[in-house]
PDB file of N, CA and C in Angstrom:
ATOM      1  N   MET A   1     -21.401 -18.840   3.588  1.00  0.00           N
ATOM      2  CA  MET A   1     -21.683 -19.915   4.505  1.00  0.00           C
ATOM      3  C   MET A   1     -21.739 -21.255   3.772  1.00  0.00           C
ATOM      4  N   SER A   2     -22.301 -21.230   2.593  1.00  0.00           N
ATOM      5  CA  SER A   2     -22.443 -22.477   1.857  1.00  0.00           C
ATOM      6  C   SER A   2     -21.090 -23.144   1.618  1.00  0.00           C
ATOM      7  N   ARG A   3     -20.082 -22.348   1.304  1.00  0.00           N
ATOM      8  CA  ARG A   3     -18.752 -22.918   1.060  1.00  0.00           C
ATOM      9  C   ARG A   3     -18.156 -23.492   2.341  1.00  0.00           C
ATOM     10  N   VAL A   4     -18.438 -22.861   3.476  1.00  0.00           N
ATOM     11  CA  VAL A   4     -17.948 -23.378   4.752  1.00  0.00           C
ATOM     12  C   VAL A   4     -18.597 -24.722   5.046  1.00  0.00           C
ATOM     13  N   PHE A   5     -19.929 -24.784   4.844  1.00  0.00           N
ATOM     14  CA  PHE A   5     -20.623 -26.047   5.070  1.00  0.00           C
ATOM     15  C   PHE A   5     -20.169 -27.118   4.080  1.00  0.00           C
ATOM     16  N   ALA A   6     -19.916 -26.731   2.833  1.00  0.00           N
ATOM     17  CA  ALA A   6     -19.452 -27.694   1.834  1.00  0.00           C
ATOM     18  C   ALA A   6     -18.101 -28.282   2.247  1.00  0.00           C
ATOM     19  N   LEU A   7     -17.229 -27.460   2.769  1.00  0.00           N
ATOM     20  CA  LEU A   7     -15.934 -27.943   3.266  1.00  0.00           C
ATOM     21  C   LEU A   7     -16.140 -28.900   4.435  1.00  0.00           C
ATOM     22  N   ALA A   8     -17.052 -28.546   5.335  1.00  0.00           N
ATOM     23  CA  ALA A   8     -17.328 -29.417   6.481  1.00  0.00           C
ATOM     24  C   ALA A   8     -17.862 -30.778   6.025  1.00  0.00           C
ATOM     25  N   VAL A   9     -18.687 -30.793   4.972  1.00  0.00           N
ATOM     26  CA  VAL A   9     -19.192 -32.057   4.425  1.00  0.00           C
ATOM     27  C   VAL A   9     -18.032 -32.865   3.847  1.00  0.00           C
ATOM     28  N   ARG A  10     -17.180 -32.230   3.034  1.00  0.00           N
ATOM     29  CA  ARG A  10     -16.048 -32.938   2.424  1.00  0.00           C
ATOM     30  C   ARG A  10     -15.113 -33.526   3.471  1.00  0.00           C
ATOM     31  N   ARG A  11     -14.941 -32.830   4.576  1.00  0.00           N
ATOM     32  CA  ARG A  11     -14.042 -33.329   5.621  1.00  0.00           C
ATOM     33  C   ARG A  11     -14.729 -34.276   6.597  1.00  0.00           C
ATOM     34  N   GLY A  12     -16.008 -34.500   6.404  1.00  0.00           N
ATOM     35  CA  GLY A  12     -16.724 -35.455   7.227  1.00  0.00           C
ATOM     36  C   GLY A  12     -17.182 -34.935   8.580  1.00  0.00           C
ATOM     37  N   TYR A  13     -17.173 -33.609   8.763  1.00  0.00           N
ATOM     38  CA  TYR A  13     -17.625 -33.040  10.039  1.00  0.00           C
ATOM     39  C   TYR A  13     -19.140 -33.054  10.165  1.00  0.00           C
ATOM     40  N   ILE A  14     -19.836 -32.905   9.034  1.00  0.00           N
ATOM     41  CA  ILE A  14     -21.295 -32.944   8.998  1.00  0.00           C
ATOM     42  C   ILE A  14     -21.716 -33.812   7.815  1.00  0.00           C
ATOM     43  N   ALA A  15     -22.950 -34.311   7.868  1.00  0.00           N
ATOM     44  CA  ALA A  15     -23.423 -35.226   6.829  1.00  0.00           C
ATOM     45  C   ALA A  15     -23.860 -34.502   5.560  1.00  0.00           C
ATOM     46  N   ASP A  16     -24.497 -33.341   5.703  1.00  0.00           N
ATOM     47  CA  ASP A  16     -24.933 -32.605   4.518  1.00  0.00           C
ATOM     48  C   ASP A  16     -24.908 -31.109   4.788  1.00  0.00           C
ATOM     49  N   ASN A  17     -24.996 -30.341   3.707  1.00  0.00           N
ATOM     50  CA  ASN A  17     -24.983 -28.894   3.781  1.00  0.00           C
ATOM     51  C   ASN A  17     -26.407 -28.413   4.062  1.00  0.00           C
ATOM     52  N   PRO A  18     -26.670 -27.869   5.244  1.00  0.00           N
ATOM     53  CA  PRO A  18     -28.036 -27.466   5.579  1.00  0.00           C
ATOM     54  C   PRO A  18     -28.571 -26.349   4.691  1.00  0.00           C
ATOM     55  N   LEU A  19     -27.712 -25.572   4.092  1.00  0.00           N
ATOM     56  CA  LEU A  19     -28.185 -24.496   3.217  1.00  0.00           C
ATOM     57  C   LEU A  19     -28.817 -25.032   1.942  1.00  0.00           C
ATOM     58  N   ARG A  20     -28.493 -26.253   1.560  1.00  0.00           N
ATOM     59  CA  ARG A  20     -29.089 -26.840   0.353  1.00  0.00           C
ATOM     60  C   ARG A  20     -30.573 -27.154   0.553  1.00  0.00           C
ATOM     61  N   ARG A  21     -31.023 -27.222   1.799  1.00  0.00           N
ATOM     62  CA  ARG A  21     -32.433 -27.496   2.085  1.00  0.00           C
ATOM     63  C   ARG A  21     -33.284 -26.230   2.044  1.00  0.00           C
ATOM     64  N   LEU A  22     -32.647 -25.065   1.935  1.00  0.00           N
ATOM     65  CA  LEU A  22     -33.401 -23.821   1.896  1.00  0.00           C
ATOM     66  C   LEU A  22     -33.991 -23.582   0.514  1.00  0.00           C
ATOM     67  N   ASP A  23     -35.177 -23.012   0.501  1.00  0.00           N
ATOM     68  CA  ASP A  23     -35.795 -22.573  -0.740  1.00  0.00           C
ATOM     69  C   ASP A  23     -35.051 -21.321  -1.213  1.00  0.00           C
ATOM     70  N   ALA A  24     -35.057 -21.050  -2.503  1.00  0.00           N
ATOM     71  CA  ALA A  24     -34.311 -19.911  -3.049  1.00  0.00           C
ATOM     72  C   ALA A  24     -34.701 -18.594  -2.384  1.00  0.00           C
ATOM     73  N   ARG A  25     -35.981 -18.416  -2.054  1.00  0.00           N
ATOM     74  CA  ARG A  25     -36.406 -17.154  -1.429  1.00  0.00           C
ATOM     75  C   ARG A  25     -35.978 -17.059   0.037  1.00  0.00           C
ATOM     76  N   GLU A  26     -35.525 -18.175   0.621  1.00  0.00           N
ATOM     77  CA  GLU A  26     -35.057 -18.162   2.011  1.00  0.00           C
ATOM     78  C   GLU A  26     -33.563 -17.835   2.129  1.00  0.00           C
ATOM     79  N   LEU A  27     -32.867 -17.902   1.009  1.00  0.00           N
ATOM     80  CA  LEU A  27     -31.428 -17.639   1.036  1.00  0.00           C
ATOM     81  C   LEU A  27     -31.167 -16.156   1.254  1.00  0.00           C
ATOM     82  N   PRO A  28     -30.151 -15.835   2.025  1.00  0.00           N
ATOM     83  CA  PRO A  28     -29.840 -14.413   2.240  1.00  0.00           C
ATOM     84  C   PRO A  28     -29.362 -13.762   0.949  1.00  0.00           C
ATOM     85  N   ARG A  29     -29.694 -12.535   0.789  1.00  0.00           N
ATOM     86  CA  ARG A  29     -29.278 -11.765  -0.380  1.00  0.00           C
ATOM     87  C   ARG A  29     -28.294 -10.695   0.075  1.00  0.00           C
ATOM     88  N   GLY A  30     -27.234 -10.536  -0.663  1.00  0.00           N
ATOM     89  CA  GLY A  30     -26.294  -9.467  -0.378  1.00  0.00           C
ATOM     90  C   GLY A  30     -26.924  -8.131  -0.698  1.00  0.00           C
ATOM     91  N   GLN A  31     -26.520  -7.128   0.020  1.00  0.00           N
ATOM     92  CA  GLN A  31     -27.051  -5.802  -0.226  1.00  0.00           C
ATOM     93  C   GLN A  31     -26.108  -5.048  -1.148  1.00  0.00           C
ATOM     94  N   ALA A  32     -26.669  -4.395  -2.132  1.00  0.00           N
ATOM     95  CA  ALA A  32     -25.847  -3.597  -3.041  1.00  0.00           C
ATOM     96  C   ALA A  32     -25.305  -2.400  -2.286  1.00  0.00           C
ATOM     97  N   LYS A  33     -24.025  -2.188  -2.409  1.00  0.00           N
ATOM     98  CA  LYS A  33     -23.400  -1.049  -1.744  1.00  0.00           C
ATOM     99  C   LYS A  33     -23.065  -0.004  -2.780  1.00  0.00           C
ATOM    100  N   ASP A  34     -23.110   1.231  -2.353  1.00  0.00           N
ATOM    101  CA  ASP A  34     -22.698   2.295  -3.261  1.00  0.00           C
ATOM    102  C   ASP A  34     -21.208   2.169  -3.517  1.00  0.00           C
ATOM    103  N   MET A  35     -20.862   2.183  -4.775  1.00  0.00           N
ATOM    104  CA  MET A  35     -19.446   2.113  -5.141  1.00  0.00           C
ATOM    105  C   MET A  35     -18.813   3.479  -4.917  1.00  0.00           C
ATOM    106  N   PRO A  36     -17.622   3.497  -4.339  1.00  0.00           N
ATOM    107  CA  PRO A  36     -16.960   4.788  -4.144  1.00  0.00           C
ATOM    108  C   PRO A  36     -16.557   5.381  -5.492  1.00  0.00           C
ATOM    109  N   ARG A  37     -16.477   6.669  -5.533  1.00  0.00           N
ATOM    110  CA  ARG A  37     -16.057   7.341  -6.764  1.00  0.00           C
ATOM    111  C   ARG A  37     -14.588   7.060  -7.003  1.00  0.00           C
ATOM    112  N   VAL A  38     -14.242   6.772  -8.241  1.00  0.00           N
ATOM    113  CA  VAL A  38     -12.869   6.457  -8.610  1.00  0.00           C
ATOM    114  C   VAL A  38     -12.283   7.654  -9.361  1.00  0.00           C
ATOM    115  N   LEU A  39     -11.065   8.031  -8.977  1.00  0.00           N
ATOM    116  CA  LEU A  39     -10.405   9.145  -9.644  1.00  0.00           C
ATOM    117  C   LEU A  39      -9.954   8.725 -11.043  1.00  0.00           C
ATOM    118  N   ASP A  40     -10.061   9.652 -11.998  1.00  0.00           N
ATOM    119  CA  ASP A  40      -9.536   9.355 -13.326  1.00  0.00           C
ATOM    120  C   ASP A  40      -8.049   9.728 -13.367  1.00  0.00           C
ATOM    121  N   ARG A  41      -7.384   9.465 -14.476  1.00  0.00           N
ATOM    122  CA  ARG A  41      -5.933   9.690 -14.578  1.00  0.00           C
ATOM    123  C   ARG A  41      -5.546  11.139 -14.306  1.00  0.00           C
ATOM    124  N   ASP A  42      -6.299  12.065 -14.860  1.00  0.00           N
ATOM    125  CA  ASP A  42      -5.983  13.479 -14.655  1.00  0.00           C
ATOM    126  C   ASP A  42      -6.129  13.875 -13.183  1.00  0.00           C
ATOM    127  N   GLU A  43      -7.171  13.372 -12.538  1.00  0.00           N
ATOM    128  CA  GLU A  43      -7.381  13.683 -11.123  1.00  0.00           C
ATOM    129  C   GLU A  43      -6.268  13.090 -10.258  1.00  0.00           C
ATOM    130  N   ILE A  44      -5.837  11.874 -10.595  1.00  0.00           N
ATOM    131  CA  ILE A  44      -4.736  11.246  -9.860  1.00  0.00           C
ATOM    132  C   ILE A  44      -3.471  12.077 -10.013  1.00  0.00           C
ATOM    133  N   ALA A  45      -3.179  12.495 -11.236  1.00  0.00           N
ATOM    134  CA  ALA A  45      -1.978  13.308 -11.480  1.00  0.00           C
ATOM    135  C   ALA A  45      -2.050  14.612 -10.700  1.00  0.00           C
ATOM    136  N   ARG A  46      -3.193  15.274 -10.727  1.00  0.00           N
ATOM    137  CA  ARG A  46      -3.337  16.543  -9.991  1.00  0.00           C
ATOM    138  C   ARG A  46      -3.202  16.331  -8.487  1.00  0.00           C
ATOM    139  N   LEU A  47      -3.767  15.242  -7.987  1.00  0.00           N
ATOM    140  CA  LEU A  47      -3.662  14.941  -6.560  1.00  0.00           C
ATOM    141  C   LEU A  47      -2.207  14.760  -6.148  1.00  0.00           C
ATOM    142  N   LEU A  48      -1.467  13.947  -6.897  1.00  0.00           N
ATOM    143  CA  LEU A  48      -0.073  13.671  -6.550  1.00  0.00           C
ATOM    144  C   LEU A  48       0.809  14.909  -6.716  1.00  0.00           C
ATOM    145  N   GLU A  49       0.499  15.753  -7.707  1.00  0.00           N
ATOM    146  CA  GLU A  49       1.266  16.992  -7.899  1.00  0.00           C
ATOM    147  C   GLU A  49       0.998  17.991  -6.779  1.00  0.00           C
ATOM    148  N   ALA A  50      -0.233  18.028  -6.291  1.00  0.00           N
ATOM    149  CA  ALA A  50      -0.609  19.001  -5.267  1.00  0.00           C
ATOM    150  C   ALA A  50      -0.180  18.570  -3.864  1.00  0.00           C
ATOM    151  N   ALA A  51       0.062  17.299  -3.659  1.00  0.00           N
ATOM    152  CA  ALA A  51       0.408  16.790  -2.328  1.00  0.00           C
ATOM    153  C   ALA A  51       1.836  17.173  -1.961  1.00  0.00           C
ATOM    154  N   SER A  52       2.064  17.354  -0.668  1.00  0.00           N
ATOM    155  CA  SER A  52       3.440  17.607  -0.221  1.00  0.00           C
ATOM    156  C   SER A  52       4.243  16.316  -0.397  1.00  0.00           C
ATOM    157  N   ALA A  53       5.540  16.470  -0.566  1.00  0.00           N
ATOM    158  CA  ALA A  53       6.418  15.318  -0.823  1.00  0.00           C
ATOM    159  C   ALA A  53       6.276  14.255   0.262  1.00  0.00           C
ATOM    160  N   ARG A  54       5.966  14.677   1.457  1.00  0.00           N
ATOM    161  CA  ARG A  54       5.828  13.738   2.580  1.00  0.00           C
ATOM    162  C   ARG A  54       4.702  12.730   2.347  1.00  0.00           C
ATOM    163  N   TYR A  55       3.625  13.187   1.700  1.00  0.00           N
ATOM    164  CA  TYR A  55       2.445  12.334   1.557  1.00  0.00           C
ATOM    165  C   TYR A  55       2.336  11.636   0.202  1.00  0.00           C
ATOM    166  N   VAL A  56       3.192  11.970  -0.745  1.00  0.00           N
ATOM    167  CA  VAL A  56       3.099  11.351  -2.071  1.00  0.00           C
ATOM    168  C   VAL A  56       3.221   9.825  -2.003  1.00  0.00           C
ATOM    169  N   PRO A  57       4.179   9.236  -1.257  1.00  0.00           N
ATOM    170  CA  PRO A  57       4.237   7.762  -1.216  1.00  0.00           C
ATOM    171  C   PRO A  57       2.958   7.130  -0.666  1.00  0.00           C
ATOM    172  N   LEU A  58       2.385   7.721   0.370  1.00  0.00           N
ATOM    173  CA  LEU A  58       1.153   7.199   0.959  1.00  0.00           C
ATOM    174  C   LEU A  58       0.005   7.297  -0.037  1.00  0.00           C
ATOM    175  N   LEU A  59      -0.137   8.464  -0.666  1.00  0.00           N
ATOM    176  CA  LEU A  59      -1.214   8.643  -1.637  1.00  0.00           C
ATOM    177  C   LEU A  59      -1.031   7.748  -2.858  1.00  0.00           C
ATOM    178  N   ALA A  60       0.189   7.640  -3.360  1.00  0.00           N
ATOM    179  CA  ALA A  60       0.441   6.802  -4.531  1.00  0.00           C
ATOM    180  C   ALA A  60       0.138   5.340  -4.215  1.00  0.00           C
ATOM    181  N   THR A  61       0.519   4.891  -3.037  1.00  0.00           N
ATOM    182  CA  THR A  61       0.202   3.518  -2.639  1.00  0.00           C
ATOM    183  C   THR A  61      -1.301   3.323  -2.591  1.00  0.00           C
ATOM    184  N   GLY A  62      -1.998   4.278  -2.010  1.00  0.00           N
ATOM    185  CA  GLY A  62      -3.450   4.188  -1.927  1.00  0.00           C
ATOM    186  C   GLY A  62      -4.116   4.183  -3.281  1.00  0.00           C
ATOM    187  N   VAL A  63      -3.633   5.011  -4.183  1.00  0.00           N
ATOM    188  CA  VAL A  63      -4.240   5.120  -5.511  1.00  0.00           C
ATOM    189  C   VAL A  63      -3.971   3.877  -6.357  1.00  0.00           C
ATOM    190  N   PHE A  64      -2.736   3.398  -6.336  1.00  0.00           N
ATOM    191  CA  PHE A  64      -2.365   2.330  -7.264  1.00  0.00           C
ATOM    192  C   PHE A  64      -2.511   0.916  -6.697  1.00  0.00           C
ATOM    193  N   ALA A  65      -2.457   0.751  -5.377  1.00  0.00           N
ATOM    194  CA  ALA A  65      -2.584  -0.584  -4.790  1.00  0.00           C
ATOM    195  C   ALA A  65      -4.008  -0.860  -4.315  1.00  0.00           C
ATOM    196  N   GLY A  66      -4.757   0.190  -4.012  1.00  0.00           N
ATOM    197  CA  GLY A  66      -6.157   0.037  -3.645  1.00  0.00           C
ATOM    198  C   GLY A  66      -6.457  -0.542  -2.280  1.00  0.00           C
ATOM    199  N   PRO A  67      -5.620  -0.307  -1.265  1.00  0.00           N
ATOM    200  CA  PRO A  67      -5.964  -0.837   0.055  1.00  0.00           C
ATOM    201  C   PRO A  67      -7.087  -0.026   0.696  1.00  0.00           C
ATOM    202  N   ARG A  68      -7.688  -0.611   1.702  1.00  0.00           N
ATOM    203  CA  ARG A  68      -8.657   0.132   2.497  1.00  0.00           C
ATOM    204  C   ARG A  68      -7.895   1.181   3.299  1.00  0.00           C
ATOM    205  N   ALA A  69      -8.593   2.208   3.750  1.00  0.00           N
ATOM    206  CA  ALA A  69      -7.944   3.298   4.484  1.00  0.00           C
ATOM    207  C   ALA A  69      -7.202   2.770   5.714  1.00  0.00           C
ATOM    208  N   MET A  70      -7.830   1.860   6.463  1.00  0.00           N
ATOM    209  CA  MET A  70      -7.182   1.338   7.672  1.00  0.00           C
ATOM    210  C   MET A  70      -5.937   0.533   7.323  1.00  0.00           C
ATOM    211  N   GLU A  71      -5.956  -0.193   6.216  1.00  0.00           N
ATOM    212  CA  GLU A  71      -4.781  -0.945   5.784  1.00  0.00           C
ATOM    213  C   GLU A  71      -3.665   0.003   5.388  1.00  0.00           C
ATOM    214  N   LEU A  72      -4.022   1.055   4.680  1.00  0.00           N
ATOM    215  CA  LEU A  72      -3.031   2.022   4.222  1.00  0.00           C
ATOM    216  C   LEU A  72      -2.382   2.741   5.399  1.00  0.00           C
ATOM    217  N   LEU A  73      -3.182   3.078   6.389  1.00  0.00           N
ATOM    218  CA  LEU A  73      -2.673   3.814   7.545  1.00  0.00           C
ATOM    219  C   LEU A  73      -2.108   2.910   8.622  1.00  0.00           C
ATOM    220  N   GLY A  74      -2.279   1.595   8.467  1.00  0.00           N
ATOM    221  CA  GLY A  74      -1.757   0.652   9.449  1.00  0.00           C
ATOM    222  C   GLY A  74      -2.413   0.791  10.800  1.00  0.00           C
ATOM    223  N   SER A  75      -3.718   1.029  10.794  1.00  0.00           N
ATOM    224  CA  SER A  75      -4.424   1.263  12.050  1.00  0.00           C
ATOM    225  C   SER A  75      -5.697   0.448  12.090  1.00  0.00           C
ATOM    226  N   ASP A  76      -6.042  -0.030  13.279  1.00  0.00           N
ATOM    227  CA  ASP A  76      -7.339  -0.675  13.458  1.00  0.00           C
ATOM    228  C   ASP A  76      -8.278   0.241  14.248  1.00  0.00           C
ATOM    229  N   LYS A  77      -7.830   1.467  14.490  1.00  0.00           N
ATOM    230  CA  LYS A  77      -8.629   2.439  15.237  1.00  0.00           C
ATOM    231  C   LYS A  77      -8.920   3.640  14.364  1.00  0.00           C
ATOM    232  N   PHE A  78      -9.480   3.393  13.206  1.00  0.00           N
ATOM    233  CA  PHE A  78      -9.707   4.451  12.244  1.00  0.00           C
ATOM    234  C   PHE A  78     -10.910   5.264  12.611  1.00  0.00           C
TER     235      PHE A  78
END
């Protein structure tokens, strides 16, 4: 939000960034999320070897490009 307000100040839409008036303890804190488990090289190789030829391009794209599942599947109804 701060960057959005800073842009609005630079463009003259607002006079100042209201978030700058907040005390540090009033600022929102991001929540730590559990990181997903990442496959190592051997696991990736075994996955691609075990997959049927039909799914290897999809799996390889997912492993090496790192898209979200919905991006990889081209769906917004996951």
